[in-house]
Protein backbone atom coordinates (compact mmCIF):
# COMPACT_ATOMS: atom_id res chain seq x y z
CA UNK A 1 85.52 177.67 1.39
CA UNK A 2 81.66 176.38 0.82
CA UNK A 3 82.21 174.61 -2.52
CA UNK A 4 78.97 173.23 -4.13
CA UNK A 5 75.28 174.75 -3.44
CA UNK A 6 74.79 172.73 -0.14
CA UNK A 7 76.62 170.43 2.62
CA UNK A 8 75.19 168.59 5.65
CA UNK A 9 77.15 169.37 8.88
CA UNK A 10 77.19 166.25 11.35
CA UNK A 11 78.70 163.62 13.62
CA UNK A 12 78.91 160.97 10.63
CA UNK A 13 82.27 160.71 9.02
CA UNK A 14 80.81 160.80 5.33
CA UNK A 15 79.27 164.31 5.77
CA UNK A 16 80.90 167.63 4.05
CA UNK A 17 81.66 168.43 7.27
CA UNK A 18 82.62 166.00 10.22
CA UNK A 19 82.19 167.16 13.48
CA UNK A 20 83.67 164.00 16.25
CA UNK A 21 81.08 165.42 19.18
CA UNK A 22 78.57 162.84 20.88
CA UNK A 23 76.81 166.02 21.40
CA UNK A 24 75.85 166.64 17.56
CA UNK A 25 73.66 164.20 15.66
CA UNK A 26 74.54 161.92 12.98
CA UNK A 27 73.15 164.51 10.50
CA UNK A 28 72.78 167.40 12.29
CA UNK A 29 72.21 170.76 10.25
CA UNK A 30 71.98 171.71 6.67
CA UNK A 31 73.88 174.79 4.86
CA UNK A 32 72.64 176.01 1.31
CA UNK A 33 73.43 178.36 -1.57
CA UNK A 34 70.07 180.29 -1.91
CA UNK A 35 69.56 183.33 -4.25
CA UNK A 36 70.11 185.56 -1.16
CA UNK A 37 73.30 183.71 -0.02
CA UNK A 38 73.77 180.60 2.12
CA UNK A 39 71.39 180.05 5.02
CA UNK A 40 71.55 177.10 7.29
CA UNK A 41 68.73 175.09 8.67
CA UNK A 42 68.26 172.10 11.09
CA UNK A 43 68.04 168.64 10.22
CA UNK A 44 65.73 167.33 13.00
CA UNK A 45 68.61 166.28 15.79
CA UNK A 46 68.71 165.77 19.53
CA UNK A 47 69.95 168.80 20.46
CA UNK A 48 68.54 171.46 17.83
CA UNK A 49 70.76 174.32 15.86
CA UNK A 50 71.03 177.90 17.32
CA UNK A 51 72.14 180.99 15.22
CA UNK A 52 73.71 183.44 17.48
CA UNK A 53 72.72 181.61 20.62
CA UNK A 54 68.68 181.73 19.34
CA UNK A 55 67.26 178.51 17.95
CA UNK A 56 66.05 178.63 14.57
CA UNK A 57 63.23 176.70 13.57
CA UNK A 58 63.09 177.31 10.03
CA UNK A 59 65.56 177.66 7.36
CA UNK A 60 67.56 181.39 8.29
CA UNK A 61 69.98 183.54 6.02
CA UNK A 62 73.43 183.50 7.08
CA UNK A 63 75.36 186.97 7.30
CA UNK A 64 79.00 187.62 8.14
CA UNK A 65 80.07 186.56 11.47
CA UNK A 66 77.21 184.20 12.29
CA UNK A 67 77.81 181.55 15.28
CA UNK A 68 75.72 178.55 14.75
CA UNK A 69 75.71 176.61 17.59
CA UNK A 70 75.63 172.27 17.20
CA UNK A 71 75.59 170.79 20.86
CA UNK A 72 78.43 171.82 22.22
CA UNK A 73 80.34 172.99 18.96
CA UNK A 74 79.93 175.94 17.52
CA UNK A 75 81.01 177.02 13.70
CA UNK A 76 81.56 180.79 12.71
CA UNK A 77 80.45 181.88 8.66
CA UNK A 78 82.44 183.99 6.95
CA UNK A 79 81.72 185.52 3.26
CA UNK A 80 85.31 186.05 2.83
CA UNK A 81 87.73 184.06 1.84
CA UNK A 82 89.48 181.41 4.38
CA UNK A 83 89.84 183.15 7.26
CA UNK A 84 92.91 183.52 10.04
CA UNK A 85 92.56 180.57 12.88
CA UNK A 86 91.37 182.48 15.94
CA UNK A 87 93.34 181.72 19.23
CA UNK A 88 91.55 181.54 22.47
CA UNK A 89 93.43 181.13 26.06
CA UNK A 90 94.95 176.95 26.64
CA UNK A 91 92.28 175.39 29.42
CA UNK A 92 92.72 171.87 31.46
CA UNK A 93 91.16 169.86 28.43
CA UNK A 94 93.50 171.18 25.85
CA UNK A 95 97.33 172.57 27.62
CA UNK A 96 99.62 174.37 25.29
CA UNK A 97 100.45 172.03 22.35
CA UNK A 98 97.75 169.81 22.50
CA UNK A 99 95.28 169.47 19.15
CA UNK A 100 91.49 169.55 19.42
CA UNK A 101 89.67 167.24 17.09
CA UNK A 102 90.03 168.47 13.52
CA UNK A 103 86.91 169.26 11.13
CA UNK A 104 86.20 169.21 7.82
CA UNK A 105 85.52 172.46 5.60
CA UNK A 106 84.22 172.86 2.54
CA UNK A 107 85.64 175.45 0.10
CA UNK A 108 84.36 177.54 -2.33
CA UNK A 109 84.37 181.38 -3.64
CA UNK A 110 81.43 181.96 -1.57
CA UNK A 111 82.52 181.55 2.01
CA UNK A 112 83.79 179.01 5.23
CA UNK A 113 82.59 177.67 8.28
CA UNK A 114 85.26 177.60 10.80
CA UNK A 115 84.90 175.70 14.33
CA UNK A 116 85.36 176.35 17.98
CA UNK A 117 84.67 174.07 21.27
CA UNK A 118 83.65 177.17 23.45
CA UNK A 119 80.73 178.66 23.14
CA UNK A 120 81.79 182.28 21.56
CA UNK A 121 85.16 181.28 20.97
CA UNK A 122 87.20 180.58 17.65
CA UNK A 123 88.90 177.56 16.69
CA UNK A 124 92.88 177.11 18.80
CA UNK A 125 94.51 177.13 15.79
CA UNK A 126 98.67 177.15 17.44
CA UNK A 127 100.23 175.77 20.81
CA UNK A 128 100.68 177.61 23.49
CA UNK A 129 103.00 177.37 26.35
CA UNK A 130 102.48 176.22 29.37
CA UNK A 131 104.65 176.70 32.98
CA UNK A 132 105.75 173.18 33.24
CA UNK A 133 106.08 173.50 36.74
CA UNK A 134 101.46 174.40 36.59
CA UNK A 135 100.84 171.85 34.77
CA UNK A 136 102.30 169.09 37.65
CA UNK A 137 100.28 170.90 39.86
CA UNK A 138 97.75 170.13 37.64
CA UNK A 139 98.54 166.76 37.09
CA UNK A 140 98.79 165.91 41.17
CA UNK A 141 95.60 167.77 41.58
CA UNK A 142 93.76 165.64 38.56
CA UNK A 143 95.07 162.51 40.35
CA UNK A 144 94.49 163.20 43.62
CA UNK A 145 90.51 164.04 42.21
CA UNK A 146 91.06 160.60 40.41
CA UNK A 147 92.43 158.74 43.29
CA UNK A 148 89.83 160.07 46.03
CA UNK A 149 86.98 159.69 43.24
CA UNK A 150 87.89 155.43 43.10
CA UNK A 151 88.27 155.72 47.01
CA UNK A 152 85.12 157.06 47.68
CA UNK A 153 83.72 154.91 44.29
CA UNK A 154 84.72 151.37 46.25
CA UNK A 155 83.32 152.70 49.01
CA UNK A 156 80.28 152.73 48.15
CA UNK A 157 80.95 149.66 45.87
CA UNK A 158 81.92 147.86 49.11
CA UNK A 159 78.76 149.56 51.27
CA UNK A 160 76.27 148.63 48.72
CA UNK A 161 78.00 144.76 48.85
CA UNK A 162 77.47 144.53 52.43
CA UNK A 163 74.00 145.77 52.38
CA UNK A 164 72.91 143.39 49.51
CA UNK A 165 74.33 140.60 51.22
CA UNK A 166 72.78 141.32 54.33
CA UNK A 167 69.54 141.91 52.12
CA UNK A 168 70.39 138.31 50.28
CA UNK A 169 70.29 136.65 54.02
CA UNK A 170 67.26 137.90 54.81
CA UNK A 171 65.92 136.44 52.04
CA UNK A 172 67.36 133.63 52.28
CA UNK A 173 66.16 133.16 55.94
CA UNK A 174 62.61 134.27 55.13
CA UNK A 175 62.79 131.29 52.04
CA UNK A 176 64.14 129.04 54.32
CA UNK A 177 60.98 129.87 57.14
CA UNK A 178 58.61 130.03 54.60
CA UNK A 179 59.92 126.44 53.42
CA UNK A 180 59.69 125.17 57.07
CA UNK A 181 56.17 126.15 57.75
CA UNK A 182 54.86 124.93 54.72
CA UNK A 183 57.11 121.27 55.70
CA UNK A 184 55.21 121.93 58.82
CA UNK A 185 51.80 122.45 57.74
CA UNK A 186 51.76 119.57 55.58
CA UNK A 187 53.20 117.08 58.15
CA UNK A 188 49.92 118.65 60.06
CA UNK A 189 47.68 117.61 56.77
CA UNK A 190 49.10 114.43 56.43
CA UNK A 191 48.64 113.50 60.09
CA UNK A 192 44.70 114.75 59.93
CA UNK A 193 44.78 112.85 56.63
CA UNK A 194 45.80 109.59 58.15
CA UNK A 195 43.26 109.59 61.16
CA UNK A 196 40.71 110.16 58.75
CA UNK A 197 41.57 106.98 57.02
CA UNK A 198 41.53 105.04 60.57
CA UNK A 199 38.20 106.84 61.42
CA UNK A 200 39.49 108.98 64.24
CA UNK A 201 37.11 111.98 63.43
CA UNK A 202 37.40 113.51 66.82
CA UNK A 203 41.15 113.46 67.01
CA UNK A 204 41.20 114.70 63.09
CA UNK A 205 38.83 117.56 63.70
CA UNK A 206 41.41 118.86 66.65
CA UNK A 207 44.25 118.34 64.10
CA UNK A 208 42.31 120.53 61.27
CA UNK A 209 41.55 123.26 63.47
CA UNK A 210 44.95 123.65 64.75
CA UNK A 211 45.45 123.85 61.09
CA UNK A 212 43.52 126.43 60.49
CA UNK A 213 45.18 128.36 63.54
CA UNK A 214 48.02 128.57 62.50
CA UNK A 215 47.29 129.27 58.63
CA UNK A 216 44.28 130.08 57.69
CA UNK A 217 45.05 130.29 54.15
CA UNK A 218 46.95 126.85 53.65
CA UNK A 219 44.84 124.48 51.42
CA UNK A 220 41.77 126.40 53.07
CA UNK A 221 39.19 124.48 50.50
CA UNK A 222 39.93 121.11 51.72
CA UNK A 223 41.28 121.54 55.26
CA UNK A 224 37.30 123.54 55.88
CA UNK A 225 35.86 120.20 53.67
CA UNK A 226 37.65 117.95 55.78
CA UNK A 227 35.67 119.55 59.74
CA UNK A 228 32.76 119.96 57.58
CA UNK A 229 32.94 116.27 57.05
CA UNK A 230 34.57 115.45 60.60
CA UNK A 231 31.06 117.89 62.11
CA UNK A 232 28.89 114.57 60.74
CA UNK A 233 30.99 111.59 61.04
CA UNK A 234 31.77 112.25 65.08
CA UNK A 235 28.20 112.43 66.11
CA UNK A 236 28.00 109.41 63.64
CA UNK A 237 30.81 107.46 65.44
CA UNK A 238 29.66 108.39 68.82
CA UNK A 239 25.88 106.59 67.47
CA UNK A 240 27.88 103.52 66.07
CA UNK A 241 29.72 103.24 69.59
CA UNK A 242 25.94 103.10 71.79
CA UNK A 243 24.89 100.82 69.05
CA UNK A 244 27.62 98.42 69.26
CA UNK A 245 27.63 98.52 73.08
CA UNK A 246 23.85 98.13 73.35
CA UNK A 247 24.24 94.98 70.85
CA UNK A 248 26.72 93.08 73.37
CA UNK A 249 24.39 93.86 76.11
CA UNK A 250 21.29 92.48 73.85
CA UNK A 251 19.89 95.78 73.98
CA UNK A 252 18.02 95.45 70.96
CA UNK A 253 15.48 98.23 70.67
CA UNK A 254 17.80 100.76 72.01
CA UNK A 255 20.66 99.89 69.43
CA UNK A 256 18.03 99.70 66.31
CA UNK A 257 17.35 103.19 67.39
CA UNK A 258 21.10 104.67 67.31
CA UNK A 259 21.74 103.03 64.12
CA UNK A 260 18.70 104.79 62.64
CA UNK A 261 20.03 107.99 63.65
CA UNK A 262 23.03 107.39 61.59
CA UNK A 263 23.16 109.27 58.42
CA UNK A 264 24.55 109.41 55.10
CA UNK A 265 28.26 108.25 56.64
CA UNK A 266 32.03 107.62 54.88
CA UNK A 267 31.94 104.83 57.58
CA UNK A 268 29.49 102.34 55.36
CA UNK A 269 31.45 99.52 56.37
CA UNK A 270 31.02 100.02 60.28
CA UNK A 271 27.31 100.67 59.58
CA UNK A 272 26.98 97.55 57.64
CA UNK A 273 29.01 95.19 60.51
CA UNK A 274 26.63 97.21 63.16
CA UNK A 275 23.42 96.12 60.86
CA UNK A 276 24.62 92.38 60.43
CA UNK A 277 25.54 91.99 63.99
CA UNK A 278 22.20 93.16 65.30
CA UNK A 279 20.37 91.31 62.70
CA UNK A 280 22.69 88.16 64.11
CA UNK A 281 21.71 89.30 67.67
CA UNK A 282 18.39 89.67 66.97
CA UNK A 283 17.66 86.05 65.58
CA UNK A 284 19.64 84.87 69.09
CA UNK A 285 17.14 86.38 71.17
CA UNK A 286 14.35 84.82 68.77
CA UNK A 287 15.70 81.82 69.48
CA UNK A 288 15.35 82.25 72.90
CA UNK A 289 11.94 83.31 72.95
CA UNK A 290 11.27 79.88 71.46
CA UNK A 291 12.88 78.28 74.04
CA UNK A 292 10.83 80.40 76.75
CA UNK A 293 7.64 79.49 75.12
CA UNK A 294 7.54 76.05 76.52
CA UNK A 295 7.17 77.19 80.00
CA UNK A 296 3.73 78.28 79.52
CA UNK A 297 2.95 77.64 82.80
CA UNK A 298 6.14 79.46 84.45
CA UNK A 299 5.18 83.25 85.15
CA UNK A 300 8.71 84.55 85.12
CA UNK A 301 9.59 83.13 81.97
CA UNK A 302 6.69 84.42 80.46
CA UNK A 303 7.27 87.87 81.60
CA UNK A 304 10.34 87.70 80.35
CA UNK A 305 9.44 86.36 76.75
CA UNK A 306 7.06 89.13 77.03
CA UNK A 307 9.70 92.02 77.39
CA UNK A 308 11.98 89.70 75.19
CA UNK A 309 9.37 89.52 72.43
CA UNK A 310 9.25 93.51 72.86
CA UNK A 311 12.69 94.41 71.93
CA UNK A 312 13.05 92.18 68.83
CA UNK A 313 9.68 93.98 67.23
CA UNK A 314 11.26 97.38 68.11
CA UNK A 315 13.80 95.75 65.29
CA UNK A 316 11.54 93.88 63.05
CA UNK A 317 8.32 95.30 63.23
CA UNK A 318 6.61 93.00 60.94
CA UNK A 319 8.09 89.90 62.50
CA UNK A 320 5.20 87.51 62.70
CA UNK A 321 6.72 84.79 64.99
CA UNK A 322 7.70 87.61 67.46
CA UNK A 323 4.13 88.60 67.60
CA UNK A 324 2.58 85.42 68.18
CA UNK A 325 4.96 84.82 70.70
CA UNK A 326 4.44 87.78 72.26
CA UNK A 327 0.57 87.01 71.97
CA UNK A 328 1.10 83.62 73.58
CA UNK A 329 3.22 85.53 76.27
CA UNK A 330 0.51 87.62 76.96
CA UNK A 331 -2.43 84.47 77.51
CA UNK A 332 -0.38 82.86 79.64
CA UNK A 333 0.09 85.59 81.95
CA UNK A 334 -3.66 86.40 82.14
CA UNK A 335 -4.45 82.79 82.84
CA UNK A 336 -1.55 82.56 85.61
CA UNK A 337 -2.71 85.47 87.21
CA UNK A 338 -6.58 84.42 86.97
CA UNK A 339 -7.16 80.80 87.28
CA UNK A 340 -10.40 80.65 87.17
CA UNK A 341 -10.16 81.46 83.33
CA UNK A 342 -10.90 78.09 81.49
CA UNK A 343 -7.77 76.30 80.35
CA UNK A 344 -6.21 76.72 76.54
CA UNK A 345 -7.34 73.97 74.06
CA UNK A 346 -4.59 71.48 74.39
CA UNK A 347 -0.86 71.69 73.41
CA UNK A 348 -0.35 71.31 69.15
CA UNK A 349 3.30 72.86 68.96
CA UNK A 350 3.66 70.69 65.27
CA UNK A 351 0.81 73.16 63.74
CA UNK A 352 3.05 75.93 64.52
CA UNK A 353 5.75 74.27 62.63
CA UNK A 354 3.80 73.62 59.73
CA UNK A 355 2.56 77.27 59.55
CA UNK A 356 6.26 78.38 59.72
CA UNK A 357 7.37 75.97 57.17
CA UNK A 358 4.44 76.72 54.45
CA UNK A 359 5.00 80.77 54.72
CA UNK A 360 8.94 80.05 53.81
CA UNK A 361 10.43 80.18 57.66
CA UNK A 362 12.70 76.77 57.06
CA UNK A 363 15.08 77.62 60.13
CA UNK A 364 12.21 78.95 62.63
CA UNK A 365 10.43 75.68 61.93
CA UNK A 366 13.28 73.54 62.57
CA UNK A 367 14.00 75.06 66.11
CA UNK A 368 10.63 74.94 66.80
CA UNK A 369 10.46 71.15 65.98
CA UNK A 370 13.38 70.22 67.67
CA UNK A 371 12.43 72.20 70.67
CA UNK A 372 9.01 70.03 70.94
CA UNK A 373 10.31 66.78 69.38
CA UNK A 374 10.97 65.25 73.25
CA UNK A 375 7.43 65.73 73.77
CA UNK A 376 5.61 65.32 70.75
CA UNK A 377 6.01 62.49 67.98
CA UNK A 378 4.27 64.44 65.32
CA UNK A 379 7.44 67.57 65.65
CA UNK A 380 9.60 64.51 66.07
CA UNK A 381 8.58 63.71 62.31
CA UNK A 382 8.39 66.91 60.90
CA UNK A 383 11.97 67.60 62.42
CA UNK A 384 13.05 64.61 60.27
CA UNK A 385 10.96 65.11 57.15
CA UNK A 386 12.24 69.22 57.05
CA UNK A 387 16.21 67.83 57.16
CA UNK A 388 15.65 65.93 54.45
CA UNK A 389 13.96 68.01 52.37
CA UNK A 390 16.82 70.60 52.92
CA UNK A 391 18.96 68.05 52.11
CA UNK A 392 17.56 67.65 48.74
CA UNK A 393 16.90 71.12 47.85
CA UNK A 394 21.00 71.33 48.05
CA UNK A 395 21.35 69.41 45.20
CA UNK A 396 18.49 70.14 43.15
CA UNK A 397 19.87 70.10 40.03
CA UNK A 398 21.30 66.29 40.22
CA UNK A 399 17.29 65.01 40.99
CA UNK A 400 15.50 62.87 38.08
CA UNK A 401 12.06 63.21 37.33
CA UNK A 402 11.12 61.16 39.82
CA UNK A 403 13.00 62.14 42.65
CA UNK A 404 11.79 65.64 41.95
CA UNK A 405 8.39 64.31 42.24
CA UNK A 406 9.20 62.82 45.73
CA UNK A 407 10.68 65.53 46.83
CA UNK A 408 7.79 67.98 45.92
CA UNK A 409 5.46 65.39 47.91
CA UNK A 410 7.56 65.88 51.02
CA UNK A 411 7.20 69.24 50.46
CA UNK A 412 3.47 69.44 50.83
CA UNK A 413 3.68 66.87 53.67
CA UNK A 414 5.81 68.78 55.37
CA UNK A 415 3.15 71.72 54.91
CA UNK A 416 -0.09 70.10 55.90
CA UNK A 417 -0.79 69.03 52.11
CA UNK A 418 -0.43 71.82 50.16
CA UNK A 419 2.81 73.04 49.04
CA UNK A 420 5.14 75.87 50.65
CA UNK A 421 7.20 79.02 49.39
CA UNK A 422 10.44 76.63 50.16
CA UNK A 423 9.67 74.58 47.42
CA UNK A 424 9.21 77.33 44.08
CA UNK A 425 12.74 76.54 43.09
CA UNK A 426 11.94 72.70 42.95
CA UNK A 427 8.41 73.11 41.38
CA UNK A 428 10.33 75.55 38.76
CA UNK A 429 12.81 72.22 38.17
CA UNK A 430 9.65 70.09 37.57
CA UNK A 431 7.29 71.68 35.58
CA UNK A 432 10.29 72.05 32.84
CA UNK A 433 10.70 68.46 33.21
CA UNK A 434 6.78 67.10 33.00
CA UNK A 435 6.19 69.48 30.61
CA UNK A 436 8.98 68.65 28.22
CA UNK A 437 7.69 65.18 28.73
CA UNK A 438 3.57 66.09 27.83
CA UNK A 439 4.81 67.96 24.58
CA UNK A 440 6.54 64.90 23.34
CA UNK A 441 3.50 62.71 24.45
CA UNK A 442 1.42 64.89 21.97
CA UNK A 443 3.45 64.82 19.23
CA UNK A 444 3.28 61.07 18.98
CA UNK A 445 -0.26 61.14 19.48
CA UNK A 446 -0.15 59.54 22.92
CA UNK A 447 -3.18 61.89 24.50
CA UNK A 448 -3.67 60.03 27.49
CA UNK A 449 -0.31 59.95 28.36
CA UNK A 450 0.31 63.78 27.23
CA UNK A 451 -2.89 64.83 29.64
CA UNK A 452 -1.03 62.55 32.69
CA UNK A 453 1.91 64.64 32.44
CA UNK A 454 0.24 67.91 31.32
CA UNK A 455 -1.83 67.21 34.62
CA UNK A 456 1.33 66.96 37.21
CA UNK A 457 2.18 70.50 35.36
CA UNK A 458 -0.78 72.21 36.76
CA UNK A 459 -0.33 70.55 39.74
CA UNK A 460 2.93 72.25 40.62
CA UNK A 461 2.31 75.11 38.68
CA UNK A 462 -1.68 75.76 38.67
CA UNK A 463 -1.04 79.08 35.97
CA UNK A 464 1.35 77.35 33.20
CA UNK A 465 0.00 78.71 30.07
CA UNK A 466 1.37 75.59 27.90
CA UNK A 467 -0.19 72.96 30.07
CA UNK A 468 -3.44 74.37 30.20
CA UNK A 469 -3.51 74.80 26.26
CA UNK A 470 -2.04 71.10 26.16
CA UNK A 471 -5.51 70.25 28.19
CA UNK A 472 -7.48 72.66 26.28
CA UNK A 473 -6.48 70.71 23.20
CA UNK A 474 -7.09 67.44 24.57
CA UNK A 475 -10.53 68.48 25.58
CA UNK A 476 -11.43 68.91 21.84
CA UNK A 477 -9.53 65.83 21.07
CA UNK A 478 -11.77 63.74 23.27
CA UNK A 479 -14.48 64.98 22.01
CA UNK A 480 -13.80 63.76 18.20
CA UNK A 481 -12.74 60.18 20.01
CA UNK A 482 -16.18 59.97 21.74
CA UNK A 483 -18.07 60.46 18.62
CA UNK A 484 -15.76 57.85 17.23
CA UNK A 485 -16.71 55.38 20.02
CA UNK A 486 -20.36 56.20 20.01
CA UNK A 487 -20.46 55.49 15.75
CA UNK A 488 -19.15 51.86 16.69
CA UNK A 489 -20.98 50.95 20.15
CA UNK A 490 -23.50 48.72 17.28
CA UNK A 491 -20.64 47.60 15.30
CA UNK A 492 -17.72 47.01 17.36
CA UNK A 493 -18.69 47.19 21.00
CA UNK A 494 -14.83 46.11 21.86
CA UNK A 495 -13.28 48.97 19.76
CA UNK A 496 -15.92 51.27 20.93
CA UNK A 497 -14.83 50.66 24.92
CA UNK A 498 -11.16 51.03 23.78
CA UNK A 499 -11.89 54.47 22.47
CA UNK A 500 -14.66 55.64 25.15
CA UNK A 501 -11.62 54.61 28.00
CA UNK A 502 -8.96 56.87 25.96
CA UNK A 503 -11.48 59.45 26.15
CA UNK A 504 -11.94 59.12 30.40
CA UNK A 505 -7.94 58.83 30.15
CA UNK A 506 -7.61 62.56 28.28
CA UNK A 507 -9.99 64.69 30.11
CA UNK A 508 -10.84 65.27 34.21
CA UNK A 509 -13.61 63.16 36.32
CA UNK A 510 -15.63 66.51 36.36
CA UNK A 511 -15.35 66.84 32.50
CA UNK A 512 -18.69 66.43 30.85
CA UNK A 513 -17.67 63.74 27.82
CA UNK A 514 -15.41 61.72 30.83
CA UNK A 515 -18.69 61.12 31.99
CA UNK A 516 -20.47 60.19 29.39
CA UNK A 517 -17.77 57.80 28.43
CA UNK A 518 -17.82 56.16 31.03
CA UNK A 519 -21.74 55.79 31.43
CA UNK A 520 -20.85 54.02 27.61
CA UNK A 521 -18.22 51.96 29.13
CA UNK A 522 -20.52 50.17 31.83
CA UNK A 523 -23.40 50.34 28.99
CA UNK A 524 -21.55 48.43 26.68
CA UNK A 525 -19.79 46.03 29.85
CA UNK A 526 -23.02 44.71 30.67
CA UNK A 527 -24.00 43.29 27.04
């Protein structure tokens, strides 16, 4: 019997009608009492609700004997009292004596709902007898089916396991092969980079190209970058090798031409080394040229000298010494080949020594002086003076004022009367010391001494601003001293003579005040 005004049917145990069937939703359908009787509606179940074989979408009124289908379960509606239990034939699932799962029913005076498991079949309410022999055959058949199924399942499992093992072996083999390939490529790249570090660009490029052929996708950017560098460095390396061979043979022009073609390179150390070697070889050849210059009457040596100087000038385009030696060789060659030409002026190699020294070529001037020292006393004297000046220049900081002055005078003597470029550091040191003394003398009012030091400063550095200002100030001061002496020449001639002499000491000989003071002294001394 149906109790209350409505009840929920579903799989949940707390429903008024609970059906333990997995095809039935937890809250599957609702049966509700209406003014027309009892009606059924679906609660959004998964498998839907059917009435007499047709799915319902809306609430539908029930009639006597209606069959409500929920999933695989069926319920029959009866408007009367408790119905008799319907009986169905036995099945393999529920043999004789077995019970179907119970179903709760709500009871009231309005009607009842009865459950059945087969579509259109009522729920079985009593046990039915079954032949034991038939039941045994069914059990044997079920056992054979189940056993066969297990065998098939086990066979499938074994087959699948074998296939999976084979697949796993293939995957591992492929992974191992990939790892071995990566290791091989890494070793090739390591070898290539090692060759790069050693400067073996030809071998490195070959190794990198081998890598590209083996695996175009391996470290593509780095490999291509190294190959690009190699394409520049291989010609550079060839040019450097060519230059070094030429340097060893003394072919200066050829070596210089090769080095000039070397582009920006990672082989900077090798390039610097080659340039240094070329410079050293050029200096060596220049010394050789100086030695040949002494044989001005030997045609073969003059031609050799000319060729040597031309080779030097290919490397040192502006080398003045090489140019002059080349001209001398050309002149000698012309004279030898044309004996009717007037002989050259007397041989004066020491003048060339002085000129080179004055222009700052200390080593060149010394080499030339040594070359002509056996024939000319002037060359021997210059050789000794140059060596002495070089020795003093090495300990410049240790020289006192007088030693600096002596070294400065020695420099002028070597250069033929004027200071050389080689004395610039010495002059800087000397000027600094002399100007300090000039300033100190001015501070104490000793103008004559201040002017003496200032003049020495200007001799060493004619543009010295401080010394020039001091001299100008001294001239103004000398004018005042001259006026005082002029005022005393009648009353105190001796004091006037002293003042006039101070004026002379404070001014250079060409100064107007100096000339007037000198005349006054001569005049007063006659009286």
